């Protein structure tokens, strides 16, 4: 059973930055594709970013391109999400997810059904 634990959330002012981390245990992290999703109160869980097993391919939601960066450290069993230029509309619970398939679905098709394991989430609050 794969376990994912997110950390790094918190309160930040608009325009600020945060780096989220997600540590994995209990599986073959090195061979998993990983993703980050977010869910605001009363809304669906939306795709943010994803990375393939080696870190050589990554995809982003259009709304975060150029501001967010996903990275993967297979030696540490950890995936990161660097978030810059945050705005209040990005206040949400951020979830890490693992996909047992090492590769990613085609860009533009990413959704939560394509990931197999989920963390509990970490809250990000952006104040105006």
Foldseek 3Di string as FASTA:
>chain_A
DKAKAKDWADEAAAQAKIKMKIAIDDDQLLQKKKFKWWDAPPGDIGGAKIAFNNRPDMDGDPVQPPFWDWGDDNVRRMIMIIGGRDDQVRFTWMKMFIANHRDDDDPPPDDPVRTDDIYPTDTHGYHD
